[in-house]
C-alpha cells in the first residue's frame, strides 16, 4: 500500500500516484429541466395576470360593448311589438311615410294617340282606360311630330305645370312609358302609343301599382 492511500481504502480506490481521486457528485439533469419548466410557467402566469388587469382598468371588453349596444339599439324591441316601449313606437311612426294623396283617374283627362301602323289601337286603349275611370279626350292618330317616330312603349306628354302625380297615376296603367312636356297650358295628358306597345297592364297589376304609389314603403331604419 502506498503512503498516499487513506486508511481503510484499497482495491479500486488504491492510490498509486501522487494525487487523490476526484469524489465529486454528478449533477442531476432532471432538476435542471424542472427548474426551467417552472420558470417558464411562472412567466406565463405573470403575463396573463397583467393582461387581465389591463382589461379591467380599460373597461372596454367585447362582451361589455355588445351588451351596451344592445341596450341603446331601438331595434331590440320584440318583433311582435308586445313589449316595445313608447320610444320604439315613436321611432316606428317617424320612419313610416304617410299615405300620398293621388288624383283620382276621373280627374285626369287623357288624349290617346296612335303612333304605330296598327289600325284602331288608340280607340281600343281609350275604351279600356275609360272603363278604369279615366276621362278620355281626343282619340286618333299621333301628330306628325310623333307619328311612326316612337320606337318605345309610349310617351306621356303634358304641361310642365301638370301635377306630377297625374303622370304617375296614368303611368301605372302601362309599363315602360316615358314622360315629356310641351308648351300647353292645359292639364290634359297625351298618351302617345309607340311601336313597342303591346297592351295595357292588367287592371289587377295596375291597381297594385296604384296602391304602392299611394302607400310607399317606410324608410329603412339605421343600424346601431
Protein backbone atom coordinates (compact mmCIF):
# COMPACT_ATOMS: atom_id res chain seq x y z
CA UNK A 1 0.00 0.00 0.00
CA UNK A 2 1.23 3.44 -0.89
CA UNK A 3 1.76 6.09 1.68
CA UNK A 4 -0.88 8.24 -0.16
CA UNK A 5 -3.65 5.70 0.27
CA UNK A 6 -6.01 6.72 3.12
CA UNK A 7 -6.52 4.15 5.81
CA UNK A 8 -9.29 1.66 5.07
CA UNK A 9 -9.30 2.25 1.32
CA UNK A 10 -7.94 -0.23 -1.07
CA UNK A 11 -8.79 -2.00 -4.26
CA UNK A 12 -10.01 0.36 -6.95
CA UNK A 13 -9.64 3.31 -4.56
CA UNK A 14 -6.00 2.49 -4.07
CA UNK A 15 -3.86 5.48 -4.71
CA UNK A 16 -0.80 4.66 -6.64
CA UNK A 17 0.20 8.10 -7.81
CA UNK A 18 0.81 11.43 -6.27
CA UNK A 19 -2.88 12.70 -6.22
CA UNK A 20 -6.18 11.71 -4.59
CA UNK A 21 -9.09 10.52 -6.84
CA UNK A 22 -11.97 13.04 -7.61
CA UNK A 23 -15.00 12.18 -5.43
CA UNK A 24 -17.45 14.97 -6.61
CA UNK A 25 -21.16 14.02 -7.26
CA UNK A 26 -22.65 14.23 -10.75
CA UNK A 27 -25.28 16.99 -11.33
CA UNK A 28 -28.87 15.85 -11.83
CA UNK A 29 -30.24 16.78 -15.29
CA UNK A 30 -33.81 16.20 -14.08
CA UNK A 31 -33.53 19.01 -11.57
CA UNK A 32 -32.31 21.39 -14.27
CA UNK A 33 -35.24 20.54 -16.57
CA UNK A 34 -37.79 21.02 -13.77
CA UNK A 35 -36.27 24.38 -12.89
CA UNK A 36 -36.52 25.63 -16.48
CA UNK A 37 -40.15 24.49 -16.84
CA UNK A 38 -41.07 26.14 -13.58
CA UNK A 39 -39.57 29.45 -14.70
CA UNK A 40 -41.48 29.37 -18.00
CA UNK A 41 -44.78 28.61 -16.26
CA UNK A 42 -44.26 31.42 -13.77
CA UNK A 43 -43.60 33.93 -16.57
CA UNK A 44 -46.75 32.81 -18.44
CA UNK A 45 -48.91 33.26 -15.33
CA UNK A 46 -47.48 36.72 -14.72
CA UNK A 47 -48.17 37.77 -18.33
CA UNK A 48 -51.79 36.51 -18.22
CA UNK A 49 -52.42 38.30 -14.95
CA UNK A 50 -51.06 41.55 -16.38
CA UNK A 51 -53.41 41.31 -19.39
CA UNK A 52 -56.42 40.76 -17.13
CA UNK A 53 -55.55 43.80 -15.06
CA UNK A 54 -55.22 45.98 -18.19
CA UNK A 55 -58.61 44.78 -19.46
CA UNK A 56 -60.30 45.55 -16.14
CA UNK A 57 -58.91 49.09 -15.93
CA UNK A 58 -59.75 49.92 -19.55
CA UNK A 59 -63.31 48.58 -19.19
CA UNK A 60 -63.93 48.01 -22.96
CA UNK A 61 -64.21 44.26 -23.32
CA UNK A 62 -66.19 42.96 -26.36
CA UNK A 63 -68.88 41.44 -24.18
CA UNK A 64 -69.45 44.71 -22.32
CA UNK A 65 -69.63 46.70 -25.55
CA UNK A 66 -72.10 44.22 -27.02
CA UNK A 67 -74.36 44.48 -24.00
CA UNK A 68 -74.21 48.27 -24.00
CA UNK A 69 -75.01 48.40 -27.72
CA UNK A 70 -77.99 46.12 -27.23
CA UNK A 71 -79.43 48.49 -24.63
CA UNK A 72 -79.02 51.55 -26.85
CA UNK A 73 -80.32 49.95 -30.07
CA UNK A 74 -84.03 50.69 -30.65
CA UNK A 75 -84.39 47.60 -32.85
CA UNK A 76 -84.06 45.24 -29.87
CA UNK A 77 -87.78 45.51 -29.15
CA UNK A 78 -89.92 42.42 -29.60
CA UNK A 79 -90.79 41.62 -33.19
CA UNK A 80 -94.50 41.45 -32.42
CA UNK A 81 -94.33 44.85 -30.70
CA UNK A 82 -95.88 43.46 -27.49
CA UNK A 83 -93.01 44.65 -25.32
CA UNK A 84 -91.98 47.70 -27.34
CA UNK A 85 -91.74 50.87 -25.30
CA UNK A 86 -93.06 54.32 -26.25
CA UNK A 87 -89.66 55.26 -27.67
CA UNK A 88 -89.79 52.34 -30.14
CA UNK A 89 -93.34 53.23 -31.18
CA UNK A 90 -92.35 56.86 -31.74
CA UNK A 91 -89.35 55.82 -33.86
CA UNK A 92 -91.50 53.47 -35.96
CA UNK A 93 -94.11 56.15 -36.62
CA UNK A 94 -91.41 58.64 -37.56
CA UNK A 95 -89.88 56.34 -40.20
CA UNK A 96 -93.23 55.35 -41.76
CA UNK A 97 -94.18 57.55 -44.70
CA UNK A 98 -97.71 58.97 -44.70
CA UNK A 99 -100.12 57.98 -47.45
CA UNK A 100 -99.78 60.05 -50.61
CA UNK A 101 -102.88 61.88 -51.83
CA UNK A 102 -103.21 60.99 -55.52
CA UNK A 103 -105.61 62.46 -58.07
CA UNK A 104 -108.47 60.17 -58.99
CA UNK A 105 -108.47 58.69 -62.52
CA UNK A 106 -111.67 60.64 -63.23
CA UNK A 107 -109.78 63.89 -62.59
CA UNK A 108 -107.20 63.07 -65.28
CA UNK A 109 -108.09 63.79 -68.92
CA UNK A 110 -106.17 61.54 -71.31
CA UNK A 111 -105.78 62.09 -75.06
CA UNK A 112 -104.91 58.75 -76.70
CA UNK A 113 -102.86 58.91 -79.90
CA UNK A 114 -101.62 56.06 -82.06
CA UNK A 115 -98.09 56.48 -83.47
CA UNK A 116 -97.95 52.91 -84.84
CA UNK A 117 -99.21 51.34 -88.11
CA UNK A 118 -101.76 49.28 -86.12
CA UNK A 119 -105.23 50.49 -87.00
CA UNK A 120 -107.76 51.07 -84.22
CA UNK A 121 -105.16 50.90 -81.42
CA UNK A 122 -105.93 54.33 -79.97
CA UNK A 123 -109.66 53.63 -79.72
CA UNK A 124 -109.15 50.23 -78.07
CA UNK A 125 -106.78 51.70 -75.46
CA UNK A 126 -109.06 54.70 -74.88
CA UNK A 127 -112.07 52.47 -74.28
CA UNK A 128 -110.15 50.38 -71.75
CA UNK A 129 -108.91 53.45 -69.89
CA UNK A 130 -112.48 54.77 -69.78
CA UNK A 131 -113.57 51.52 -68.12
CA UNK A 132 -110.89 52.09 -65.49
CA UNK A 133 -112.30 55.52 -64.65
CA UNK A 134 -110.11 57.90 -66.66
CA UNK A 135 -111.61 60.84 -68.52
CA UNK A 136 -110.89 60.41 -72.23
CA UNK A 137 -110.36 63.42 -74.50
CA UNK A 138 -109.13 63.21 -78.10
CA UNK A 139 -108.55 59.80 -79.70
CA UNK A 140 -106.84 59.26 -83.07
CA UNK A 141 -103.54 59.17 -84.92
CA UNK A 142 -100.49 60.84 -83.40
CA UNK A 143 -99.42 64.32 -84.55
CA UNK A 144 -96.83 64.47 -87.34
CA UNK A 145 -94.01 65.13 -84.87
CA UNK A 146 -94.62 61.68 -83.29
CA UNK A 147 -96.36 59.59 -85.97
CA UNK A 148 -94.22 56.48 -86.69
CA UNK A 149 -91.44 58.08 -84.62
CA UNK A 150 -91.96 56.47 -81.20
CA UNK A 151 -89.90 53.26 -81.00
CA UNK A 152 -90.61 52.74 -77.30
CA UNK A 153 -93.74 51.70 -75.45
CA UNK A 154 -95.37 55.12 -75.11
CA UNK A 155 -94.87 58.78 -74.29
CA UNK A 156 -96.80 60.71 -71.65
CA UNK A 157 -96.87 64.31 -72.87
CA UNK A 158 -98.20 67.20 -70.81
CA UNK A 159 -97.66 70.69 -69.49
CA UNK A 160 -94.77 71.47 -67.12
CA UNK A 161 -97.42 72.76 -64.71
CA UNK A 162 -99.32 69.46 -64.71
CA UNK A 163 -99.36 67.68 -61.38
CA UNK A 164 -96.58 65.08 -61.43
CA UNK A 165 -98.84 62.71 -59.53
CA UNK A 166 -101.20 62.69 -62.53
CA UNK A 167 -98.37 61.40 -64.72
CA UNK A 168 -97.62 58.72 -62.12
CA UNK A 169 -101.25 57.58 -61.87
CA UNK A 170 -101.56 57.25 -65.64
CA UNK A 171 -98.15 55.55 -65.76
CA UNK A 172 -99.43 52.69 -63.58
CA UNK A 173 -101.63 51.55 -66.47
CA UNK A 174 -98.72 50.50 -68.67
CA UNK A 175 -95.04 49.63 -68.30
CA UNK A 176 -92.18 51.49 -69.96
CA UNK A 177 -93.78 54.86 -70.75
CA UNK A 178 -91.56 57.94 -70.67
CA UNK A 179 -92.58 61.49 -69.68
CA UNK A 180 -92.18 64.66 -71.71
CA UNK A 181 -93.55 68.21 -71.53
CA UNK A 182 -94.58 70.75 -74.14
CA UNK A 183 -95.85 74.33 -74.22
CA UNK A 184 -99.52 73.60 -73.49
CA UNK A 185 -101.21 75.32 -70.58
CA UNK A 186 -103.99 72.80 -70.02
CA UNK A 187 -103.87 69.92 -67.54
CA UNK A 188 -104.69 67.13 -70.01
CA UNK A 189 -102.09 64.46 -70.79
CA UNK A 190 -101.36 62.86 -74.18
CA UNK A 191 -100.77 59.13 -74.23
CA UNK A 192 -98.85 58.51 -77.47
CA UNK A 193 -98.57 54.77 -78.17
CA UNK A 194 -95.26 53.62 -79.68
CA UNK A 195 -94.07 50.63 -81.70
CA UNK A 196 -93.10 48.61 -78.58
CA UNK A 197 -96.58 48.91 -77.07
CA UNK A 198 -98.46 45.61 -76.83
CA UNK A 199 -101.25 46.16 -74.33
CA UNK A 200 -102.13 47.92 -71.10
CA UNK A 201 -101.21 46.33 -67.81
CA UNK A 202 -103.94 44.16 -66.37
CA UNK A 203 -106.32 46.00 -64.08
CA UNK A 204 -105.11 43.88 -61.16
CA UNK A 205 -101.47 44.85 -61.76
CA UNK A 206 -102.45 48.49 -62.30
CA UNK A 207 -104.40 48.55 -59.02
CA UNK A 208 -101.41 47.06 -57.17
CA UNK A 209 -99.12 49.70 -58.66
CA UNK A 210 -101.58 52.41 -57.57
CA UNK A 211 -101.65 51.01 -54.03
CA UNK A 212 -97.85 51.08 -53.82
CA UNK A 213 -97.84 54.63 -55.19
CA UNK A 214 -100.34 55.75 -52.56
CA UNK A 215 -98.65 53.93 -49.68
CA UNK A 216 -94.86 53.99 -50.18
CA UNK A 217 -92.76 51.62 -48.12
CA UNK A 218 -91.32 53.08 -44.88
CA UNK A 219 -87.74 54.25 -44.91
CA UNK A 220 -85.27 51.61 -43.61
CA UNK A 221 -84.10 52.22 -40.05
CA UNK A 222 -80.40 52.81 -39.41
CA UNK A 223 -78.23 50.14 -37.81
CA UNK A 224 -76.98 50.62 -34.28
